């Protein structure tokens, strides 16, 4: 492996290790400190800040501050506030105030969410500088992000942090390490052209002109609809699995005691599925790849809806396995698709727009809607079998939604370029020179 690929692999490892320390286990901690009905807000805020922060930070990285420096600054601030949230919670381990904990956590998340797109931009730029094709070489690098996520998950699981505030402190510390490491990345040049031109040019809002292209507009809309599913299992899978402990039949099951470790099978599946992306994208195109993701989400929720930690644990395991396709074939492939369809001058802002539609609008609506469903069918019931039945009903509702999106996607979205070629970037540059709005209709 080339040195630059090793460096980018470590970058991705740290990037997602920050997230893995709390993303799948925070719900269980909140459940234990009496915030079961507010879990949705802690996950929805990731979507709320993603509506504007990735786009704003991405524009700044495109126009004024090199992406690797912006990545470092965002992680520095995210780490400081996440550690502060953990330290506050440590002063009142049994009953932290929602307002204070949520505020500190939210500021941290506001600076973390843009780093996902920034890390992609840094990687794409570095690969381009070294003459490496992003579709071919980025997925194996991105695998190490999932490995980092898994390592953090297992760490908080086996240390017992998954049910305590310590997971927040662990995440913050990793974020500070990432802040330092990001400064060692190759420089990402900024695009200072367009001073004195229109407001759209000056602030890098050209990425929003992608909506003028019907194909790209449809892609972003379905990205938003699919983004509804992204945070549901992150926020509620752990509490769901641990809820079986309230029934004597399941109380001693390994999965009940090690929910985060069981969920880590999802990320292990990711590491394998990421490696399949180059083949599937080039062979079948974005429409088939995204459709596979949508069907996988139906199965992800559906298996949760009929499984348990006892004799039905194999269904939960199947749910973890299909997650790799559900997440990667949408999130990673979507990011690569956006990169191929946009010019380098708005690379970071285009990635920010993708984040806005998926982890922003989509994830916010999805998490809050899921919280309402779970409040109705789960939190309104006493602990025990009635709550478990409520969980099953909730997961089947989510599966029905994912199925509806898949059906509409087949009928509406039409991909003109089913097999991406290695010359996409050159075509984009040629077309952009004739199209001041940055539209790439011909690819």
Protein backbone atom coordinates (compact mmCIF):
# COMPACT_ATOMS: atom_id res chain seq x y z
CA UNK A 1 0.00 0.00 0.00
CA UNK A 2 1.32 3.45 -0.93
CA UNK A 3 2.30 5.71 2.02
CA UNK A 4 -0.49 8.19 1.23
CA UNK A 5 -3.07 5.40 1.39
CA UNK A 6 -1.72 4.32 4.80
CA UNK A 7 -1.97 7.90 6.06
CA UNK A 8 -5.53 8.25 4.75
CA UNK A 9 -6.46 4.90 6.27
CA UNK A 10 -5.38 6.17 9.71
CA UNK A 11 -7.28 9.41 9.09
CA UNK A 12 -10.47 7.45 8.46
CA UNK A 13 -9.79 5.17 11.44
CA UNK A 14 -9.66 8.14 13.82
CA UNK A 15 -12.55 9.98 12.14
CA UNK A 16 -15.02 7.18 12.75
CA UNK A 17 -13.54 6.03 16.05
CA UNK A 18 -14.75 9.38 17.42
CA UNK A 19 -18.30 8.53 16.37
CA UNK A 20 -18.20 4.87 17.31
CA UNK A 21 -17.44 5.67 20.95
CA UNK A 22 -21.00 6.86 21.55
CA UNK A 23 -23.23 6.64 18.48
CA UNK A 24 -24.69 3.19 19.10
CA UNK A 25 -24.56 3.23 22.90
CA UNK A 26 -25.67 6.73 23.89
CA UNK A 27 -29.32 5.67 23.80
CA UNK A 28 -28.75 3.08 26.52
CA UNK A 29 -27.02 5.62 28.77
CA UNK A 30 -29.85 8.13 28.29
CA UNK A 31 -32.42 5.40 28.97
CA UNK A 32 -30.72 4.62 32.27
CA UNK A 33 -30.64 8.24 33.46
CA UNK A 34 -34.34 8.81 32.79
CA UNK A 35 -34.16 10.42 29.36
CA UNK A 36 -35.80 7.62 27.34
CA UNK A 37 -38.29 10.04 25.76
CA UNK A 38 -35.49 12.45 24.78
CA UNK A 39 -33.23 9.93 23.03
CA UNK A 40 -34.59 11.05 19.69
CA UNK A 41 -33.47 14.63 20.29
CA UNK A 42 -29.87 13.60 20.93
CA UNK A 43 -29.81 11.85 17.56
CA UNK A 44 -32.00 14.36 15.74
CA UNK A 45 -29.63 17.18 16.64
CA UNK A 46 -27.05 15.49 14.43
CA UNK A 47 -29.48 15.97 11.59
CA UNK A 48 -30.43 19.50 12.60
CA UNK A 49 -26.84 20.77 12.61
CA UNK A 50 -26.19 18.85 9.38
CA UNK A 51 -28.75 21.06 7.67
CA UNK A 52 -26.32 23.95 7.74
CA UNK A 53 -22.96 23.18 9.37
CA UNK A 54 -21.49 20.80 6.73
CA UNK A 55 -22.53 23.20 3.95
CA UNK A 56 -21.16 26.29 5.71
CA UNK A 57 -17.93 24.58 6.78
CA UNK A 58 -17.58 22.99 3.34
CA UNK A 59 -17.93 26.38 1.65
CA UNK A 60 -15.28 27.83 3.97
CA UNK A 61 -12.97 24.91 3.14
CA UNK A 62 -13.52 25.43 -0.59
CA UNK A 63 -13.02 29.20 -0.47
CA UNK A 64 -10.81 30.28 2.42
CA UNK A 65 -9.40 27.65 4.81
CA UNK A 66 -7.68 24.48 3.49
CA UNK A 67 -9.80 21.42 4.20
CA UNK A 68 -7.19 19.67 6.32
CA UNK A 69 -6.90 22.73 8.63
CA UNK A 70 -10.66 23.10 8.86
CA UNK A 71 -10.89 19.39 9.69
CA UNK A 72 -8.42 19.91 12.55
CA UNK A 73 -10.22 22.96 13.92
CA UNK A 74 -13.61 21.26 13.89
CA UNK A 75 -12.27 18.21 15.73
CA UNK A 76 -10.54 20.40 18.31
CA UNK A 77 -13.80 22.17 19.18
CA UNK A 78 -15.87 18.97 18.97
CA UNK A 79 -13.50 17.21 21.34
CA UNK A 80 -13.47 20.01 23.91
CA UNK A 81 -17.26 20.19 24.11
CA UNK A 82 -17.75 16.40 24.15
CA UNK A 83 -15.31 16.03 27.04
CA UNK A 84 -17.13 18.88 28.79
CA UNK A 85 -20.43 17.02 28.36
CA UNK A 86 -18.91 13.88 29.86
CA UNK A 87 -17.35 15.75 32.78
CA UNK A 88 -20.65 17.48 33.53
CA UNK A 89 -22.48 14.15 33.50
CA UNK A 90 -19.87 12.73 35.88
CA UNK A 91 -20.85 15.31 38.50
CA UNK A 92 -24.42 13.98 38.56
CA UNK A 93 -24.19 10.38 37.27
CA UNK A 94 -27.77 9.48 38.13
CA UNK A 95 -29.75 12.50 37.00
CA UNK A 96 -28.00 15.04 34.75
CA UNK A 97 -30.14 17.96 33.60
CA UNK A 98 -31.33 17.54 30.04
CA UNK A 99 -30.72 21.18 29.11
CA UNK A 100 -27.07 21.32 30.15
CA UNK A 101 -26.07 17.89 28.84
CA UNK A 102 -27.94 18.39 25.58
CA UNK A 103 -26.41 21.84 25.00
CA UNK A 104 -22.80 20.72 25.46
CA UNK A 105 -23.39 17.61 23.39
CA UNK A 106 -25.11 19.59 20.62
CA UNK A 107 -22.22 22.06 20.21
CA UNK A 108 -19.80 19.14 19.95
CA UNK A 109 -21.95 17.42 17.33
CA UNK A 110 -22.30 20.70 15.40
CA UNK A 111 -18.55 20.74 14.83
CA UNK A 112 -18.19 16.99 14.34
CA UNK A 113 -20.78 16.42 11.60
CA UNK A 114 -18.96 18.57 8.99
CA UNK A 115 -15.79 16.53 9.52
CA UNK A 116 -17.25 13.51 7.73
CA UNK A 117 -17.49 15.42 4.45
CA UNK A 118 -14.19 17.21 5.11
CA UNK A 119 -12.39 13.92 5.69
CA UNK A 120 -13.75 12.70 2.34
CA UNK A 121 -12.57 15.87 0.61
CA UNK A 122 -9.09 15.56 2.11
CA UNK A 123 -8.90 11.95 0.95
CA UNK A 124 -10.18 12.67 -2.56
CA UNK A 125 -7.71 15.55 -2.97
CA UNK A 126 -4.78 13.47 -1.75
CA UNK A 127 -5.68 10.60 -4.07
CA UNK A 128 -6.02 12.94 -7.03
CA UNK A 129 -2.62 14.48 -6.30
CA UNK A 130 -1.09 11.03 -6.36
CA UNK A 131 -2.82 10.05 -9.60
CA UNK A 132 -5.10 7.48 -7.94
CA UNK A 133 -8.71 6.86 -9.00
CA UNK A 134 -11.08 7.66 -6.13
CA UNK A 135 -13.69 5.03 -7.05
CA UNK A 136 -11.05 2.30 -7.04
CA UNK A 137 -8.83 3.39 -4.14
CA UNK A 138 -11.12 5.23 -1.69
CA UNK A 139 -13.39 2.33 -0.60
CA UNK A 140 -10.50 0.20 0.75
CA UNK A 141 -9.27 3.28 2.63
CA UNK A 142 -12.77 3.95 3.96
CA UNK A 143 -12.84 0.40 5.35
CA UNK A 144 -10.44 1.54 8.05
CA UNK A 145 -13.01 4.11 9.15
CA UNK A 146 -15.37 1.26 9.89
CA UNK A 147 -12.58 -0.61 11.66
CA UNK A 148 -12.07 2.44 13.86
CA UNK A 149 -15.80 2.59 14.58
CA UNK A 150 -15.80 -1.10 15.57
CA UNK A 151 -12.77 -0.72 17.83
CA UNK A 152 -14.46 2.15 19.69
CA UNK A 153 -17.72 0.21 20.00
CA UNK A 154 -15.99 -2.83 21.43
CA UNK A 155 -13.91 -0.67 23.76
CA UNK A 156 -16.95 1.00 25.34
CA UNK A 157 -18.77 -2.35 25.42
CA UNK A 158 -16.15 -4.36 27.30
CA UNK A 159 -15.13 -1.48 29.60
CA UNK A 160 -18.78 -1.02 30.59
CA UNK A 161 -18.75 2.53 29.21
CA UNK A 162 -21.77 1.79 26.96
CA UNK A 163 -24.11 2.52 29.87
CA UNK A 164 -22.21 5.48 31.37
CA UNK A 165 -21.07 9.03 30.62
CA UNK A 166 -17.50 7.74 30.11
CA UNK A 167 -18.28 7.06 26.45
CA UNK A 168 -18.52 10.82 25.89
CA UNK A 169 -15.10 11.47 27.41
CA UNK A 170 -13.58 8.66 25.34
CA UNK A 171 -15.02 10.16 22.15
CA UNK A 172 -13.71 13.62 23.03
CA UNK A 173 -10.18 12.37 23.64
CA UNK A 174 -10.08 10.59 20.26
CA UNK A 175 -11.35 13.78 18.63
CA UNK A 176 -8.43 15.76 20.07
CA UNK A 177 -5.99 13.17 18.70
CA UNK A 178 -7.68 13.51 15.30
CA UNK A 179 -7.32 17.31 15.48
CA UNK A 180 -3.57 16.95 15.69
CA UNK A 181 -3.28 14.24 13.05
CA UNK A 182 -5.39 16.15 10.48
CA UNK A 183 -2.69 18.84 10.32
CA UNK A 184 -0.25 16.28 8.88
CA UNK A 185 -2.41 15.70 5.79
CA UNK A 186 -1.43 17.02 2.33
CA UNK A 187 -2.56 20.56 1.66
CA UNK A 188 -5.96 20.99 0.02
CA UNK A 189 -5.87 24.13 -2.15
CA UNK A 190 -8.69 26.63 -1.80
CA UNK A 191 -10.51 28.17 -4.74
CA UNK A 192 -10.27 31.95 -4.42
CA UNK A 193 -11.64 32.72 -7.87
CA UNK A 194 -14.77 34.77 -8.24
CA UNK A 195 -14.05 37.63 -5.85
CA UNK A 196 -16.30 40.50 -6.74
CA UNK A 197 -18.69 38.28 -8.64
CA UNK A 198 -22.22 37.28 -7.64
CA UNK A 199 -23.14 36.32 -4.09
CA UNK A 200 -23.54 32.74 -5.26
CA UNK A 201 -19.96 32.68 -6.54
CA UNK A 202 -18.50 34.55 -3.57
CA UNK A 203 -19.93 32.21 -0.96
CA UNK A 204 -19.53 28.97 -2.87
CA UNK A 205 -23.29 28.32 -3.07
CA UNK A 206 -22.81 27.01 -6.59
CA UNK A 207 -23.31 23.47 -5.28
CA UNK A 208 -27.02 24.20 -4.85
CA UNK A 209 -27.26 24.72 -8.61
CA UNK A 210 -27.01 20.94 -8.88
CA UNK A 211 -30.74 20.89 -8.17
CA UNK A 212 -31.28 22.36 -11.65
CA UNK A 213 -30.23 19.01 -13.04
CA UNK A 214 -33.21 16.64 -12.86
CA UNK A 215 -31.06 13.58 -12.33
CA UNK A 216 -29.09 15.18 -9.49
CA UNK A 217 -32.23 16.71 -7.97
CA UNK A 218 -33.90 13.29 -7.89
CA UNK A 219 -30.73 11.79 -6.43
CA UNK A 220 -30.63 14.33 -3.58
CA UNK A 221 -34.36 13.97 -2.84
CA UNK A 222 -34.12 10.20 -2.56
CA UNK A 223 -30.94 10.61 -0.53
CA UNK A 224 -33.03 12.62 1.91
CA UNK A 225 -35.79 10.00 1.99
CA UNK A 226 -33.26 7.22 2.52
CA UNK A 227 -31.47 9.35 5.10
CA UNK A 228 -34.59 9.02 7.25
CA UNK A 229 -33.42 5.49 8.07
CA UNK A 230 -29.81 6.33 8.94
CA UNK A 231 -30.00 7.13 12.65
CA UNK A 232 -32.94 4.97 13.75
CA UNK A 233 -30.96 1.86 14.62
CA UNK A 234 -28.05 3.93 15.94
CA UNK A 235 -30.33 5.52 18.51
CA UNK A 236 -32.66 2.68 19.37
CA UNK A 237 -31.05 -0.69 18.57
CA UNK A 238 -29.06 -0.84 21.81
CA UNK A 239 -32.03 -0.02 24.11
CA UNK A 240 -34.13 -2.49 22.11
CA UNK A 241 -31.68 -5.36 22.58
CA UNK A 242 -31.14 -4.58 26.27
CA UNK A 243 -34.92 -4.41 26.82
CA UNK A 244 -35.06 -8.21 26.55
CA UNK A 245 -33.29 -8.28 29.92
CA UNK A 246 -36.56 -7.29 31.60
CA UNK A 247 -38.04 -10.69 30.69
CA UNK A 248 -36.70 -13.66 32.66
CA UNK A 249 -36.61 -15.84 29.55
CA UNK A 250 -33.98 -13.60 27.98
CA UNK A 251 -32.30 -11.98 31.00
CA UNK A 252 -29.16 -14.12 30.88
CA UNK A 253 -28.67 -13.96 27.09
CA UNK A 254 -25.21 -12.86 25.93
CA UNK A 255 -26.70 -10.25 23.61
CA UNK A 256 -28.57 -8.53 26.43
CA UNK A 257 -25.34 -8.02 28.36
CA UNK A 258 -23.24 -7.13 25.30
CA UNK A 259 -25.61 -5.24 23.03
CA UNK A 260 -22.88 -3.01 21.61
CA UNK A 261 -20.72 -6.01 20.75
CA UNK A 262 -23.65 -7.59 18.92
CA UNK A 263 -24.33 -4.37 17.05
CA UNK A 264 -20.66 -4.24 16.04
CA UNK A 265 -21.44 -7.10 13.65
CA UNK A 266 -23.13 -4.40 11.56
CA UNK A 267 -19.86 -2.53 11.22
CA UNK A 268 -17.95 -5.73 10.51
CA UNK A 269 -20.37 -6.29 7.65
CA UNK A 270 -19.58 -2.75 6.51
CA UNK A 271 -15.89 -3.51 6.13
CA UNK A 272 -16.72 -6.27 3.67
CA UNK A 273 -19.40 -4.40 1.76
CA UNK A 274 -17.27 -1.30 1.23
CA UNK A 275 -14.84 -3.40 -0.78
CA UNK A 276 -17.66 -4.40 -3.13
CA UNK A 277 -18.58 -0.81 -3.99
CA UNK A 278 -16.11 -0.23 -6.87
CA UNK A 279 -17.33 -3.35 -8.67
CA UNK A 280 -21.04 -2.69 -8.13
CA UNK A 281 -20.83 1.00 -9.06
CA UNK A 282 -18.94 0.36 -12.27
CA UNK A 283 -20.95 -2.73 -13.18
CA UNK A 284 -24.48 -1.62 -12.29
CA UNK A 285 -24.48 2.13 -11.65
CA UNK A 286 -25.86 4.25 -8.84
CA UNK A 287 -29.53 3.33 -9.29
CA UNK A 288 -29.07 -0.39 -8.74
CA UNK A 289 -26.62 0.20 -5.89
CA UNK A 290 -29.02 2.55 -4.09
CA UNK A 291 -31.94 0.19 -4.68
CA UNK A 292 -29.95 -2.61 -3.07
CA UNK A 293 -29.39 -0.31 -0.11
CA UNK A 294 -33.11 0.40 0.21
CA UNK A 295 -34.03 -3.29 0.13
CA UNK A 296 -31.36 -3.92 2.76
CA UNK A 297 -32.97 -1.29 5.01
CA UNK A 298 -36.30 -3.12 4.69
CA UNK A 299 -34.57 -6.31 5.85
CA UNK A 300 -32.60 -4.50 8.56
CA UNK A 301 -35.77 -3.24 10.22
CA UNK A 302 -37.84 -6.29 9.38
CA UNK A 303 -35.46 -8.75 11.07
CA UNK A 304 -35.47 -6.57 14.19
CA UNK A 305 -39.26 -6.66 14.02
CA UNK A 306 -39.46 -10.44 14.36
CA UNK A 307 -36.22 -11.33 16.19
CA UNK A 308 -35.19 -11.68 19.83
CA UNK A 309 -32.04 -12.44 21.84
CA UNK A 310 -33.10 -16.05 22.46
CA UNK A 311 -34.12 -18.53 19.77
CA UNK A 312 -34.64 -15.65 17.36
CA UNK A 313 -31.13 -14.23 17.79
CA UNK A 314 -30.23 -15.44 14.29
CA UNK A 315 -32.68 -12.88 12.92
CA UNK A 316 -30.90 -10.11 14.82
CA UNK A 317 -27.60 -11.36 13.42
CA UNK A 318 -29.03 -11.30 9.88
CA UNK A 319 -30.13 -7.71 10.54
CA UNK A 320 -26.54 -6.85 11.45
CA UNK A 321 -25.21 -8.52 8.31
CA UNK A 322 -27.48 -6.68 5.85
CA UNK A 323 -26.60 -3.36 7.50
CA UNK A 324 -23.34 -3.28 5.55
CA UNK A 325 -25.25 -3.09 2.28
CA UNK A 326 -27.89 -0.76 3.74
CA UNK A 327 -25.35 1.82 4.91
CA UNK A 328 -22.37 1.55 2.56
CA UNK A 329 -24.22 1.12 -0.71
CA UNK A 330 -25.96 4.40 0.04
CA UNK A 331 -23.63 6.54 2.13
CA UNK A 332 -20.24 5.74 0.61
CA UNK A 333 -21.48 5.19 -2.95
CA UNK A 334 -23.53 8.38 -2.75
CA UNK A 335 -20.49 10.39 -1.70
CA UNK A 336 -18.45 8.96 -4.59
CA UNK A 337 -21.31 9.63 -7.02
CA UNK A 338 -21.52 13.29 -5.93
CA UNK A 339 -17.73 13.62 -6.29
CA UNK A 340 -17.87 12.26 -9.84
CA UNK A 341 -20.74 14.53 -10.84
CA UNK A 342 -19.28 17.82 -9.55
CA UNK A 343 -16.27 19.92 -10.39
CA UNK A 344 -13.25 20.07 -8.09
CA UNK A 345 -13.89 23.78 -7.42
CA UNK A 346 -16.93 22.92 -5.30
CA UNK A 347 -15.91 19.49 -4.04
CA UNK A 348 -16.27 20.27 -0.31
CA UNK A 349 -19.49 22.24 -0.66
CA UNK A 350 -21.06 19.48 -2.80
CA UNK A 351 -20.16 16.93 -0.13
CA UNK A 352 -21.68 19.30 2.41
CA UNK A 353 -24.89 19.42 0.39
CA UNK A 354 -25.04 15.62 0.32
CA UNK A 355 -24.59 15.59 4.10
CA UNK A 356 -27.33 18.21 4.45
CA UNK A 357 -29.86 16.10 2.57
CA UNK A 358 -28.96 12.77 4.24
CA UNK A 359 -27.65 13.36 7.75
CA UNK A 360 -29.44 16.71 7.88
CA UNK A 361 -33.03 16.85 6.69
CA UNK A 362 -33.48 13.09 6.30
CA UNK A 363 -31.95 11.97 9.59
CA UNK A 364 -33.72 14.70 11.58
CA UNK A 365 -37.16 13.83 10.27
CA UNK A 366 -36.46 10.13 10.63
CA UNK A 367 -35.18 10.27 14.20
CA UNK A 368 -37.97 12.47 15.52
CA UNK A 369 -40.60 10.38 13.72
CA UNK A 370 -39.03 7.21 15.12
CA UNK A 371 -39.07 8.69 18.63
CA UNK A 372 -42.79 9.44 18.24
CA UNK A 373 -43.47 5.87 17.09
CA UNK A 374 -41.43 4.40 19.96
CA UNK A 375 -43.07 6.69 22.52
CA UNK A 376 -46.43 5.45 21.24
CA UNK A 377 -45.69 1.72 21.16
CA UNK A 378 -42.79 1.24 23.61
CA UNK A 379 -42.41 3.96 26.23
CA UNK A 380 -46.15 4.01 26.89
CA UNK A 381 -45.95 0.35 28.03
CA UNK A 382 -44.59 -1.12 31.27
CA UNK A 383 -41.19 -2.82 31.10
CA UNK A 384 -41.39 -6.45 30.04
CA UNK A 385 -43.11 -8.33 27.24
CA UNK A 386 -45.46 -5.46 26.39
CA UNK A 387 -42.51 -3.19 25.68
CA UNK A 388 -40.83 -5.85 23.58
CA UNK A 389 -44.03 -6.26 21.56
CA UNK A 390 -44.04 -2.50 21.11
CA UNK A 391 -40.48 -2.60 19.84
CA UNK A 392 -41.41 -5.24 17.28
CA UNK A 393 -44.34 -3.17 16.04
CA UNK A 394 -42.11 -0.11 15.73
CA UNK A 395 -39.47 -1.91 13.68
CA UNK A 396 -42.09 -3.27 11.29
CA UNK A 397 -43.44 0.26 10.76
CA UNK A 398 -39.93 1.42 9.86
CA UNK A 399 -39.57 -1.52 7.46
CA UNK A 400 -42.81 -0.57 5.71
CA UNK A 401 -41.52 2.98 5.21
CA UNK A 402 -38.25 1.76 3.67
CA UNK A 403 -40.19 -0.52 1.32
CA UNK A 404 -42.38 2.38 0.15
CA UNK A 405 -39.30 4.50 -0.60
CA UNK A 406 -37.76 1.65 -2.60
CA UNK A 407 -40.88 1.27 -4.75
CA UNK A 408 -41.05 5.00 -5.55
CA UNK A 409 -37.33 5.06 -6.27
CA UNK A 410 -37.67 2.35 -8.93
CA UNK A 411 -40.49 4.27 -10.60
CA UNK A 412 -39.02 7.78 -10.47
CA UNK A 413 -35.21 7.82 -10.48
CA UNK A 414 -33.47 7.34 -13.84
CA UNK A 415 -29.69 7.23 -13.99
CA UNK A 416 -28.33 8.34 -17.36
CA UNK A 417 -24.82 7.10 -16.61
CA UNK A 418 -25.15 3.53 -15.34
CA UNK A 419 -21.47 2.70 -15.73
CA UNK A 420 -19.12 5.36 -14.43
CA UNK A 421 -15.97 5.82 -16.47
CA UNK A 422 -12.57 6.94 -15.33
CA UNK A 423 -12.84 10.04 -17.54
CA UNK A 424 -15.77 11.55 -15.63
CA UNK A 425 -13.56 14.18 -14.02
CA UNK A 426 -12.16 15.36 -17.37
CA UNK A 427 -15.64 15.52 -18.86
CA UNK A 428 -16.84 17.50 -15.87
CA UNK A 429 -14.05 20.05 -16.24
CA UNK A 430 -14.70 20.48 -19.95
CA UNK A 431 -18.43 20.97 -19.43
CA UNK A 432 -17.96 23.27 -16.45
CA UNK A 433 -15.82 25.60 -18.56
CA UNK A 434 -18.85 26.03 -20.83
CA UNK A 435 -21.36 26.14 -17.96
CA UNK A 436 -20.74 28.92 -15.41
CA UNK A 437 -23.40 27.52 -13.07
CA UNK A 438 -21.41 24.35 -12.52
CA UNK A 439 -24.07 22.06 -14.00
CA UNK A 440 -22.88 18.75 -15.35
CA UNK A 441 -25.80 17.52 -17.39
CA UNK A 442 -23.89 15.52 -19.94
CA UNK A 443 -22.48 12.90 -17.63
